[in-house]
Amino acid sequence: MTTSVLFDLFGIRAKEGNYVLFVVVANFICAFLYLAAAYGFFFTKKWTSKMLFIASGILLLTFIALGFYIASGGIYEFKTVLAMTFRTLITIAFGYIAYKFIY
């Protein structure tokens, strides 16, 4: 979905409502880190947790920026806040799991 919004595939932008572009870009970047981390999980690579913690850092910084954006009166959907909360917590959890079980 992120790619569809970012590149306006199939007219998704119009259907998505008030999306926040920098959140979409951060999610797009994290998608590549998730793919690398999935490979790392499968082959038990030690760098897996680092990839997930980098993704967590990107998401946390994006979440902080989203807070400033909302506080300054930016237009957003509440589902963006919920999705960012869920994605950030899950990424941190998977990073912790990777650290505990692979190291």
PDB file of N, CA and C in Angstrom:
ATOM      1  N   MET A   1       0.818  -1.184   0.000  1.00  0.00           N
ATOM      2  CA  MET A   1       0.000   0.000   0.000  1.00  0.00           C
ATOM      3  C   MET A   1       0.868   1.257   0.000  1.00  0.00           C
ATOM      4  N   THR A   2       1.967   1.205   0.733  1.00  0.00           N
ATOM      5  CA  THR A   2       2.874   2.348   0.789  1.00  0.00           C
ATOM      6  C   THR A   2       3.377   2.713  -0.596  1.00  0.00           C
ATOM      7  N   THR A   3       3.767   1.718  -1.358  1.00  0.00           N
ATOM      8  CA  THR A   3       4.270   1.957  -2.708  1.00  0.00           C
ATOM      9  C   THR A   3       3.178   2.551  -3.586  1.00  0.00           C
ATOM     10  N   SER A   4       1.959   2.064  -3.423  1.00  0.00           N
ATOM     11  CA  SER A   4       0.844   2.578  -4.216  1.00  0.00           C
ATOM     12  C   SER A   4       0.576   4.047  -3.916  1.00  0.00           C
ATOM     13  N   VAL A   5       0.657   4.423  -2.649  1.00  0.00           N
ATOM     14  CA  VAL A   5       0.445   5.823  -2.280  1.00  0.00           C
ATOM     15  C   VAL A   5       1.609   6.678  -2.759  1.00  0.00           C
ATOM     16  N   LEU A   6       2.819   6.187  -2.551  1.00  0.00           N
ATOM     17  CA  LEU A   6       4.013   6.955  -2.897  1.00  0.00           C
ATOM     18  C   LEU A   6       4.089   7.229  -4.397  1.00  0.00           C
ATOM     19  N   PHE A   7       3.789   6.217  -5.205  1.00  0.00           N
ATOM     20  CA  PHE A   7       3.893   6.363  -6.652  1.00  0.00           C
ATOM     21  C   PHE A   7       2.537   6.553  -7.337  1.00  0.00           C
ATOM     22  N   ASP A   8       1.488   6.731  -6.554  1.00  0.00           N
ATOM     23  CA  ASP A   8       0.122   6.943  -7.032  1.00  0.00           C
ATOM     24  C   ASP A   8      -0.311   5.857  -8.025  1.00  0.00           C
ATOM     25  N   LEU A   9      -0.105   4.612  -7.634  1.00  0.00           N
ATOM     26  CA  LEU A   9      -0.533   3.495  -8.458  1.00  0.00           C
ATOM     27  C   LEU A   9      -2.023   3.243  -8.256  1.00  0.00           C
ATOM     28  N   PHE A  10      -2.719   3.017  -9.328  1.00  0.00           N
ATOM     29  CA  PHE A  10      -4.137   2.661  -9.308  1.00  0.00           C
ATOM     30  C   PHE A  10      -5.016   3.733  -8.660  1.00  0.00           C
ATOM     31  N   GLY A  11      -4.559   4.967  -8.618  1.00  0.00           N
ATOM     32  CA  GLY A  11      -5.339   6.058  -8.046  1.00  0.00           C
ATOM     33  C   GLY A  11      -5.541   5.951  -6.545  1.00  0.00           C
ATOM     34  N   ILE A  12      -4.619   5.293  -5.865  1.00  0.00           N
ATOM     35  CA  ILE A  12      -4.750   5.061  -4.418  1.00  0.00           C
ATOM     36  C   ILE A  12      -4.687   6.358  -3.620  1.00  0.00           C
ATOM     37  N   ARG A  13      -3.894   7.317  -4.068  1.00  0.00           N
ATOM     38  CA  ARG A  13      -3.765   8.571  -3.299  1.00  0.00           C
ATOM     39  C   ARG A  13      -5.115   9.213  -3.034  1.00  0.00           C
ATOM     40  N   ALA A  14      -5.952   9.239  -4.043  1.00  0.00           N
ATOM     41  CA  ALA A  14      -7.273   9.858  -3.880  1.00  0.00           C
ATOM     42  C   ALA A  14      -8.131   9.081  -2.879  1.00  0.00           C
ATOM     43  N   LYS A  15      -7.940   7.783  -2.812  1.00  0.00           N
ATOM     44  CA  LYS A  15      -8.741   6.937  -1.920  1.00  0.00           C
ATOM     45  C   LYS A  15      -8.232   6.954  -0.483  1.00  0.00           C
ATOM     46  N   GLU A  16      -6.974   7.280  -0.294  1.00  0.00           N
ATOM     47  CA  GLU A  16      -6.362   7.219   1.031  1.00  0.00           C
ATOM     48  C   GLU A  16      -6.724   8.386   1.934  1.00  0.00           C
ATOM     49  N   GLY A  17      -7.177   9.451   1.395  1.00  0.00           N
ATOM     50  CA  GLY A  17      -7.530  10.592   2.244  1.00  0.00           C
ATOM     51  C   GLY A  17      -6.325  11.441   2.577  1.00  0.00           C
ATOM     52  N   ASN A  18      -6.249  11.869   3.827  1.00  0.00           N
ATOM     53  CA  ASN A  18      -5.190  12.782   4.274  1.00  0.00           C
ATOM     54  C   ASN A  18      -3.983  12.010   4.785  1.00  0.00           C
ATOM     55  N   TYR A  19      -3.188  11.501   3.866  1.00  0.00           N
ATOM     56  CA  TYR A  19      -1.974  10.804   4.266  1.00  0.00           C
ATOM     57  C   TYR A  19      -0.867  11.828   4.494  1.00  0.00           C
ATOM     58  N   VAL A  20       0.125  11.452   5.284  1.00  0.00           N
ATOM     59  CA  VAL A  20       1.259  12.315   5.590  1.00  0.00           C
ATOM     60  C   VAL A  20       2.453  11.763   4.813  1.00  0.00           C
ATOM     61  N   LEU A  21       2.975  12.548   3.888  1.00  0.00           N
ATOM     62  CA  LEU A  21       3.976  12.052   2.954  1.00  0.00           C
ATOM     63  C   LEU A  21       5.237  11.546   3.641  1.00  0.00           C
ATOM     64  N   PHE A  22       5.750  12.250   4.650  1.00  0.00           N
ATOM     65  CA  PHE A  22       6.998  11.787   5.269  1.00  0.00           C
ATOM     66  C   PHE A  22       6.800  10.475   6.030  1.00  0.00           C
ATOM     67  N   VAL A  23       5.588  10.202   6.482  1.00  0.00           N
ATOM     68  CA  VAL A  23       5.295   8.908   7.113  1.00  0.00           C
ATOM     69  C   VAL A  23       5.313   7.806   6.055  1.00  0.00           C
ATOM     70  N   VAL A  24       4.751   8.096   4.896  1.00  0.00           N
ATOM     71  CA  VAL A  24       4.742   7.125   3.803  1.00  0.00           C
ATOM     72  C   VAL A  24       6.171   6.818   3.353  1.00  0.00           C
ATOM     73  N   VAL A  25       7.012   7.832   3.254  1.00  0.00           N
ATOM     74  CA  VAL A  25       8.406   7.634   2.838  1.00  0.00           C
ATOM     75  C   VAL A  25       9.158   6.807   3.888  1.00  0.00           C
ATOM     76  N   ALA A  26       8.952   7.102   5.159  1.00  0.00           N
ATOM     77  CA  ALA A  26       9.607   6.332   6.223  1.00  0.00           C
ATOM     78  C   ALA A  26       9.175   4.863   6.178  1.00  0.00           C
ATOM     79  N   ASN A  27       7.900   4.627   5.952  1.00  0.00           N
ATOM     80  CA  ASN A  27       7.410   3.255   5.850  1.00  0.00           C
ATOM     81  C   ASN A  27       7.998   2.550   4.634  1.00  0.00           C
ATOM     82  N   PHE A  28       8.182   3.275   3.557  1.00  0.00           N
ATOM     83  CA  PHE A  28       8.779   2.719   2.340  1.00  0.00           C
ATOM     84  C   PHE A  28      10.231   2.295   2.607  1.00  0.00           C
ATOM     85  N   ILE A  29      10.972   3.148   3.289  1.00  0.00           N
ATOM     86  CA  ILE A  29      12.369   2.827   3.628  1.00  0.00           C
ATOM     87  C   ILE A  29      12.421   1.621   4.567  1.00  0.00           C
ATOM     88  N   CYS A  30      11.547   1.612   5.556  1.00  0.00           N
ATOM     89  CA  CYS A  30      11.527   0.502   6.517  1.00  0.00           C
ATOM     90  C   CYS A  30      11.140  -0.816   5.849  1.00  0.00           C
ATOM     91  N   ALA A  31      10.369  -0.762   4.790  1.00  0.00           N
ATOM     92  CA  ALA A  31       9.988  -1.991   4.091  1.00  0.00           C
ATOM     93  C   ALA A  31      11.222  -2.738   3.598  1.00  0.00           C
ATOM     94  N   PHE A  32      12.212  -2.012   3.097  1.00  0.00           N
ATOM     95  CA  PHE A  32      13.449  -2.653   2.648  1.00  0.00           C
ATOM     96  C   PHE A  32      14.238  -3.235   3.827  1.00  0.00           C
ATOM     97  N   LEU A  33      14.221  -2.520   4.939  1.00  0.00           N
ATOM     98  CA  LEU A  33      14.886  -3.040   6.136  1.00  0.00           C
ATOM     99  C   LEU A  33      14.177  -4.291   6.651  1.00  0.00           C
ATOM    100  N   TYR A  34      12.845  -4.325   6.547  1.00  0.00           N
ATOM    101  CA  TYR A  34      12.089  -5.510   6.953  1.00  0.00           C
ATOM    102  C   TYR A  34      12.430  -6.708   6.073  1.00  0.00           C
ATOM    103  N   LEU A  35      12.592  -6.468   4.775  1.00  0.00           N
ATOM    104  CA  LEU A  35      12.958  -7.562   3.871  1.00  0.00           C
ATOM    105  C   LEU A  35      14.326  -8.133   4.227  1.00  0.00           C
ATOM    106  N   ALA A  36      15.269  -7.248   4.491  1.00  0.00           N
ATOM    107  CA  ALA A  36      16.602  -7.700   4.891  1.00  0.00           C
ATOM    108  C   ALA A  36      16.534  -8.447   6.223  1.00  0.00           C
ATOM    109  N   ALA A  37      15.742  -7.942   7.145  1.00  0.00           N
ATOM    110  CA  ALA A  37      15.613  -8.587   8.453  1.00  0.00           C
ATOM    111  C   ALA A  37      14.950  -9.957   8.324  1.00  0.00           C
ATOM    112  N   ALA A  38      13.990 -10.089   7.433  1.00  0.00           N
ATOM    113  CA  ALA A  38      13.353 -11.394   7.214  1.00  0.00           C
ATOM    114  C   ALA A  38      14.389 -12.405   6.720  1.00  0.00           C
ATOM    115  N   TYR A  39      15.238 -11.972   5.811  1.00  0.00           N
ATOM    116  CA  TYR A  39      16.338 -12.820   5.345  1.00  0.00           C
ATOM    117  C   TYR A  39      17.248 -13.188   6.523  1.00  0.00           C
ATOM    118  N   GLY A  40      17.567 -12.190   7.338  1.00  0.00           N
ATOM    119  CA  GLY A  40      18.424 -12.427   8.489  1.00  0.00           C
ATOM    120  C   GLY A  40      17.813 -13.381   9.496  1.00  0.00           C
ATOM    121  N   PHE A  41      16.504 -13.266   9.725  1.00  0.00           N
ATOM    122  CA  PHE A  41      15.818 -14.202  10.616  1.00  0.00           C
ATOM    123  C   PHE A  41      15.923 -15.622  10.072  1.00  0.00           C
ATOM    124  N   PHE A  42      15.647 -15.762   8.786  1.00  0.00           N
ATOM    125  CA  PHE A  42      15.623 -17.078   8.161  1.00  0.00           C
ATOM    126  C   PHE A  42      16.984 -17.757   8.227  1.00  0.00           C
ATOM    127  N   PHE A  43      18.032 -16.989   7.996  1.00  0.00           N
ATOM    128  CA  PHE A  43      19.383 -17.545   7.991  1.00  0.00           C
ATOM    129  C   PHE A  43      20.159 -17.252   9.270  1.00  0.00           C
ATOM    130  N   THR A  44      19.463 -16.801  10.311  1.00  0.00           N
ATOM    131  CA  THR A  44      20.018 -16.478  11.640  1.00  0.00           C
ATOM    132  C   THR A  44      21.306 -15.648  11.561  1.00  0.00           C
ATOM    133  N   LYS A  45      21.208 -14.523  10.903  1.00  0.00           N
ATOM    134  CA  LYS A  45      22.338 -13.591  10.793  1.00  0.00           C
ATOM    135  C   LYS A  45      22.344 -12.658  11.998  1.00  0.00           C
ATOM    136  N   LYS A  46      23.518 -12.390  12.524  1.00  0.00           N
ATOM    137  CA  LYS A  46      23.646 -11.544  13.717  1.00  0.00           C
ATOM    138  C   LYS A  46      23.222 -10.094  13.484  1.00  0.00           C
ATOM    139  N   TRP A  47      23.260  -9.631  12.258  1.00  0.00           N
ATOM    140  CA  TRP A  47      22.909  -8.240  11.959  1.00  0.00           C
ATOM    141  C   TRP A  47      21.401  -8.008  11.876  1.00  0.00           C
ATOM    142  N   THR A  48      20.609  -9.050  12.044  1.00  0.00           N
ATOM    143  CA  THR A  48      19.158  -8.914  11.938  1.00  0.00           C
ATOM    144  C   THR A  48      18.609  -7.902  12.939  1.00  0.00           C
ATOM    145  N   SER A  49      19.037  -8.014  14.188  1.00  0.00           N
ATOM    146  CA  SER A  49      18.523  -7.093  15.208  1.00  0.00           C
ATOM    147  C   SER A  49      18.948  -5.662  14.906  1.00  0.00           C
ATOM    148  N   LYS A  50      20.151  -5.474  14.348  1.00  0.00           N
ATOM    149  CA  LYS A  50      20.595  -4.123  14.000  1.00  0.00           C
ATOM    150  C   LYS A  50      19.681  -3.511  12.943  1.00  0.00           C
ATOM    151  N   MET A  51      19.300  -4.303  11.952  1.00  0.00           N
ATOM    152  CA  MET A  51      18.405  -3.800  10.910  1.00  0.00           C
ATOM    153  C   MET A  51      17.066  -3.379  11.511  1.00  0.00           C
ATOM    154  N   LEU A  52      16.566  -4.203  12.413  1.00  0.00           N
ATOM    155  CA  LEU A  52      15.278  -3.891  13.029  1.00  0.00           C
ATOM    156  C   LEU A  52      15.368  -2.703  13.978  1.00  0.00           C
ATOM    157  N   PHE A  53      16.493  -2.553  14.665  1.00  0.00           N
ATOM    158  CA  PHE A  53      16.647  -1.393  15.539  1.00  0.00           C
ATOM    159  C   PHE A  53      16.840  -0.110  14.730  1.00  0.00           C
ATOM    160  N   ILE A  54      17.475  -0.207  13.579  1.00  0.00           N
ATOM    161  CA  ILE A  54      17.567   0.955  12.684  1.00  0.00           C
ATOM    162  C   ILE A  54      16.172   1.338  12.209  1.00  0.00           C
ATOM    163  N   ALA A  55      15.387   0.334  11.813  1.00  0.00           N
ATOM    164  CA  ALA A  55      14.005   0.596  11.395  1.00  0.00           C
ATOM    165  C   ALA A  55      13.206   1.211  12.547  1.00  0.00           C
ATOM    166  N   SER A  56      13.432   0.710  13.759  1.00  0.00           N
ATOM    167  CA  SER A  56      12.749   1.268  14.935  1.00  0.00           C
ATOM    168  C   SER A  56      13.126   2.725  15.144  1.00  0.00           C
ATOM    169  N   GLY A  57      14.404   3.042  14.972  1.00  0.00           N
ATOM    170  CA  GLY A  57      14.855   4.429  15.112  1.00  0.00           C
ATOM    171  C   GLY A  57      14.208   5.335  14.078  1.00  0.00           C
ATOM    172  N   ILE A  58      14.154   4.864  12.843  1.00  0.00           N
ATOM    173  CA  ILE A  58      13.494   5.645  11.786  1.00  0.00           C
ATOM    174  C   ILE A  58      12.033   5.874  12.137  1.00  0.00           C
ATOM    175  N   LEU A  59      11.362   4.832  12.599  1.00  0.00           N
ATOM    176  CA  LEU A  59       9.945   4.962  12.952  1.00  0.00           C
ATOM    177  C   LEU A  59       9.740   5.876  14.156  1.00  0.00           C
ATOM    178  N   LEU A  60      10.621   5.783  15.146  1.00  0.00           N
ATOM    179  CA  LEU A  60      10.492   6.663  16.311  1.00  0.00           C
ATOM    180  C   LEU A  60      10.698   8.129  15.935  1.00  0.00           C
ATOM    181  N   LEU A  61      11.707   8.393  15.106  1.00  0.00           N
ATOM    182  CA  LEU A  61      11.927   9.766  14.644  1.00  0.00           C
ATOM    183  C   LEU A  61      10.742  10.267  13.815  1.00  0.00           C
ATOM    184  N   THR A  62      10.212   9.392  12.998  1.00  0.00           N
ATOM    185  CA  THR A  62       9.042   9.753  12.192  1.00  0.00           C
ATOM    186  C   THR A  62       7.842  10.016  13.088  1.00  0.00           C
ATOM    187  N   PHE A  63       7.697   9.215  14.126  1.00  0.00           N
ATOM    188  CA  PHE A  63       6.587   9.402  15.063  1.00  0.00           C
ATOM    189  C   PHE A  63       6.703  10.746  15.778  1.00  0.00           C
ATOM    190  N   ILE A  64       7.910  11.102  16.182  1.00  0.00           N
ATOM    191  CA  ILE A  64       8.134  12.405  16.823  1.00  0.00           C
ATOM    192  C   ILE A  64       7.802  13.531  15.844  1.00  0.00           C
ATOM    193  N   ALA A  65       8.270  13.388  14.609  1.00  0.00           N
ATOM    194  CA  ALA A  65       7.974  14.394  13.588  1.00  0.00           C
ATOM    195  C   ALA A  65       6.473  14.482  13.342  1.00  0.00           C
ATOM    196  N   LEU A  66       5.798  13.337  13.367  1.00  0.00           N
ATOM    197  CA  LEU A  66       4.340  13.336  13.192  1.00  0.00           C
ATOM    198  C   LEU A  66       3.666  14.094  14.330  1.00  0.00           C
ATOM    199  N   GLY A  67       4.174  13.927  15.540  1.00  0.00           N
ATOM    200  CA  GLY A  67       3.626  14.671  16.675  1.00  0.00           C
ATOM    201  C   GLY A  67       3.759  16.172  16.483  1.00  0.00           C
ATOM    202  N   PHE A  68       4.930  16.623  16.014  1.00  0.00           N
ATOM    203  CA  PHE A  68       5.118  18.046  15.735  1.00  0.00           C
ATOM    204  C   PHE A  68       4.207  18.508  14.595  1.00  0.00           C
ATOM    205  N   TYR A  69       4.071  17.665  13.591  1.00  0.00           N
ATOM    206  CA  TYR A  69       3.206  17.966  12.447  1.00  0.00           C
ATOM    207  C   TYR A  69       1.750  18.147  12.898  1.00  0.00           C
ATOM    208  N   ILE A  70       1.294  17.235  13.743  1.00  0.00           N
ATOM    209  CA  ILE A  70      -0.082  17.315  14.249  1.00  0.00           C
ATOM    210  C   ILE A  70      -0.254  18.541  15.135  1.00  0.00           C
ATOM    211  N   ALA A  71       0.729  18.803  16.012  1.00  0.00           N
ATOM    212  CA  ALA A  71       0.658  19.948  16.924  1.00  0.00           C
ATOM    213  C   ALA A  71       0.638  21.278  16.176  1.00  0.00           C
ATOM    214  N   SER A  72       1.268  21.304  14.990  1.00  0.00           N
ATOM    215  CA  SER A  72       1.291  22.551  14.218  1.00  0.00           C
ATOM    216  C   SER A  72       0.067  22.690  13.316  1.00  0.00           C
ATOM    217  N   GLY A  73      -0.890  21.781  13.465  1.00  0.00           N
ATOM    218  CA  GLY A  73      -2.137  21.897  12.723  1.00  0.00           C
ATOM    219  C   GLY A  73      -2.164  21.149  11.407  1.00  0.00           C
ATOM    220  N   GLY A  74      -1.223  20.230  11.202  1.00  0.00           N
ATOM    221  CA  GLY A  74      -1.192  19.452   9.966  1.00  0.00           C
ATOM    222  C   GLY A  74      -2.398  18.538   9.837  1.00  0.00           C
ATOM    223  N   ILE A  75      -2.812  18.308   8.614  1.00  0.00           N
ATOM    224  CA  ILE A  75      -3.959  17.451   8.343  1.00  0.00           C
ATOM    225  C   ILE A  75      -3.477  16.000   8.301  1.00  0.00           C
ATOM    226  N   TYR A  76      -4.183  15.129   9.010  1.00  0.00           N
ATOM    227  CA  TYR A  76      -3.797  13.722   9.104  1.00  0.00           C
ATOM    228  C   TYR A  76      -5.028  12.880   9.382  1.00  0.00           C
ATOM    229  N   GLU A  77      -4.868  11.594   9.259  1.00  0.00           N
ATOM    230  CA  GLU A  77      -5.912  10.637   9.620  1.00  0.00           C
ATOM    231  C   GLU A  77      -5.513  10.001  10.948  1.00  0.00           C
ATOM    232  N   PHE A  78      -6.474   9.778  11.829  1.00  0.00           N
ATOM    233  CA  PHE A  78      -6.155   9.161  13.117  1.00  0.00           C
ATOM    234  C   PHE A  78      -5.610   7.750  12.933  1.00  0.00           C
ATOM    235  N   LYS A  79      -6.024   7.084  11.862  1.00  0.00           N
ATOM    236  CA  LYS A  79      -5.515   5.731  11.605  1.00  0.00           C
ATOM    237  C   LYS A  79      -4.003   5.744  11.373  1.00  0.00           C
ATOM    238  N   THR A  80      -3.455   6.893  10.972  1.00  0.00           N
ATOM    239  CA  THR A  80      -2.007   7.014  10.807  1.00  0.00           C
ATOM    240  C   THR A  80      -1.315   6.894  12.156  1.00  0.00           C
ATOM    241  N   VAL A  81      -1.855   7.533  13.160  1.00  0.00           N
ATOM    242  CA  VAL A  81      -1.287   7.461  14.512  1.00  0.00           C
ATOM    243  C   VAL A  81      -1.366   6.032  15.043  1.00  0.00           C
ATOM    244  N   LEU A  82      -2.507   5.384  14.841  1.00  0.00           N
ATOM    245  CA  LEU A  82      -2.659   4.001  15.289  1.00  0.00           C
ATOM    246  C   LEU A  82      -1.687   3.071  14.561  1.00  0.00           C
ATOM    247  N   ALA A  83      -1.573   3.238  13.258  1.00  0.00           N
ATOM    248  CA  ALA A  83      -0.679   2.392  12.463  1.00  0.00           C
ATOM    249  C   ALA A  83       0.779   2.611  12.862  1.00  0.00           C
ATOM    250  N   MET A  84       1.167   3.863  13.085  1.00  0.00           N
ATOM    251  CA  MET A  84       2.541   4.153  13.490  1.00  0.00           C
ATOM    252  C   MET A  84       2.841   3.554  14.864  1.00  0.00           C
ATOM    253  N   THR A  85       1.887   3.630  15.769  1.00  0.00           N
ATOM    254  CA  THR A  85       2.061   3.039  17.094  1.00  0.00           C
ATOM    255  C   THR A  85       2.278   1.539  16.971  1.00  0.00           C
ATOM    256  N   PHE A  86       1.396   0.877  16.240  1.00  0.00           N
ATOM    257  CA  PHE A  86       1.490  -0.568  16.065  1.00  0.00           C
ATOM    258  C   PHE A  86       2.793  -0.954  15.380  1.00  0.00           C
ATOM    259  N   ARG A  87       3.113  -0.301  14.279  1.00  0.00           N
ATOM    260  CA  ARG A  87       4.317  -0.649  13.511  1.00  0.00           C
ATOM    261  C   ARG A  87       5.584  -0.441  14.342  1.00  0.00           C
ATOM    262  N   THR A  88       5.646   0.648  15.080  1.00  0.00           N
ATOM    263  CA  THR A  88       6.824   0.935  15.898  1.00  0.00           C
ATOM    264  C   THR A  88       7.000  -0.104  17.002  1.00  0.00           C
ATOM    265  N   LEU A  89       5.929  -0.417  17.711  1.00  0.00           N
ATOM    266  CA  LEU A  89       6.010  -1.390  18.801  1.00  0.00           C
ATOM    267  C   LEU A  89       6.355  -2.787  18.287  1.00  0.00           C
ATOM    268  N   ILE A  90       5.769  -3.180  17.178  1.00  0.00           N
ATOM    269  CA  ILE A  90       6.056  -4.501  16.604  1.00  0.00           C
ATOM    270  C   ILE A  90       7.508  -4.581  16.140  1.00  0.00           C
ATOM    271  N   THR A  91       8.006  -3.509  15.535  1.00  0.00           N
ATOM    272  CA  THR A  91       9.388  -3.511  15.059  1.00  0.00           C
ATOM    273  C   THR A  91      10.362  -3.594  16.227  1.00  0.00           C
ATOM    274  N   ILE A  92      10.093  -2.858  17.287  1.00  0.00           N
ATOM    275  CA  ILE A  92      10.936  -2.937  18.488  1.00  0.00           C
ATOM    276  C   ILE A  92      10.889  -4.350  19.071  1.00  0.00           C
ATOM    277  N   ALA A  93       9.700  -4.940  19.133  1.00  0.00           N
ATOM    278  CA  ALA A  93       9.556  -6.290  19.677  1.00  0.00           C
ATOM    279  C   ALA A  93      10.334  -7.307  18.842  1.00  0.00           C
ATOM    280  N   PHE A  94      10.207  -7.231  17.518  1.00  0.00           N
ATOM    281  CA  PHE A  94      10.946  -8.164  16.667  1.00  0.00           C
ATOM    282  C   PHE A  94      12.457  -7.932  16.773  1.00  0.00           C
ATOM    283  N   GLY A  95      12.866  -6.697  16.930  1.00  0.00           N
ATOM    284  CA  GLY A  95      14.283  -6.411  17.130  1.00  0.00           C
ATOM    285  C   GLY A  95      14.799  -7.045  18.407  1.00  0.00           C
ATOM    286  N   TYR A  96      14.014  -6.939  19.454  1.00  0.00           N
ATOM    287  CA  TYR A  96      14.384  -7.555  20.731  1.00  0.00           C
ATOM    288  C   TYR A  96      14.442  -9.077  20.612  1.00  0.00           C
ATOM    289  N   ILE A  97      13.441  -9.655  19.955  1.00  0.00           N
ATOM    290  CA  ILE A  97      13.408 -11.110  19.758  1.00  0.00           C
ATOM    291  C   ILE A  97      14.625 -11.564  18.958  1.00  0.00           C
ATOM    292  N   ALA A  98      14.945 -10.837  17.900  1.00  0.00           N
ATOM    293  CA  ALA A  98      16.110 -11.185  17.083  1.00  0.00           C
ATOM    294  C   ALA A  98      17.388 -11.094  17.911  1.00  0.00           C
ATOM    295  N   TYR A  99      17.480 -10.066  18.731  1.00  0.00           N
ATOM    296  CA  TYR A  99      18.672  -9.909  19.576  1.00  0.00           C
ATOM    297  C   TYR A  99      18.801 -11.069  20.566  1.00  0.00           C
ATOM    298  N   LYS A 100      17.694 -11.441  21.200  1.00  0.00           N
ATOM    299  CA  LYS A 100      17.728 -12.497  22.204  1.00  0.00           C
ATOM    300  C   LYS A 100      17.991 -13.871  21.629  1.00  0.00           C
ATOM    301  N   PHE A 101      17.429 -14.163  20.465  1.00  0.00           N
ATOM    302  CA  PHE A 101      17.516 -15.530  19.953  1.00  0.00           C
ATOM    303  C   PHE A 101      18.639 -15.760  18.952  1.00  0.00           C
ATOM    304  N   ILE A 102      19.125 -14.727  18.338  1.00  0.00           N
ATOM    305  CA  ILE A 102      20.197 -14.910  17.360  1.00  0.00           C
ATOM    306  C   ILE A 102      21.564 -14.687  17.984  1.00  0.00           C
ATOM    307  N   TYR A 103      21.669 -13.744  18.928  1.00  0.00           N
ATOM    308  CA  TYR A 103      22.975 -13.501  19.555  1.00  0.00           C
ATOM    309  C   TYR A 103      23.300 -14.552  20.524  1.00  0.00           C
TER     310      TYR A 103
END
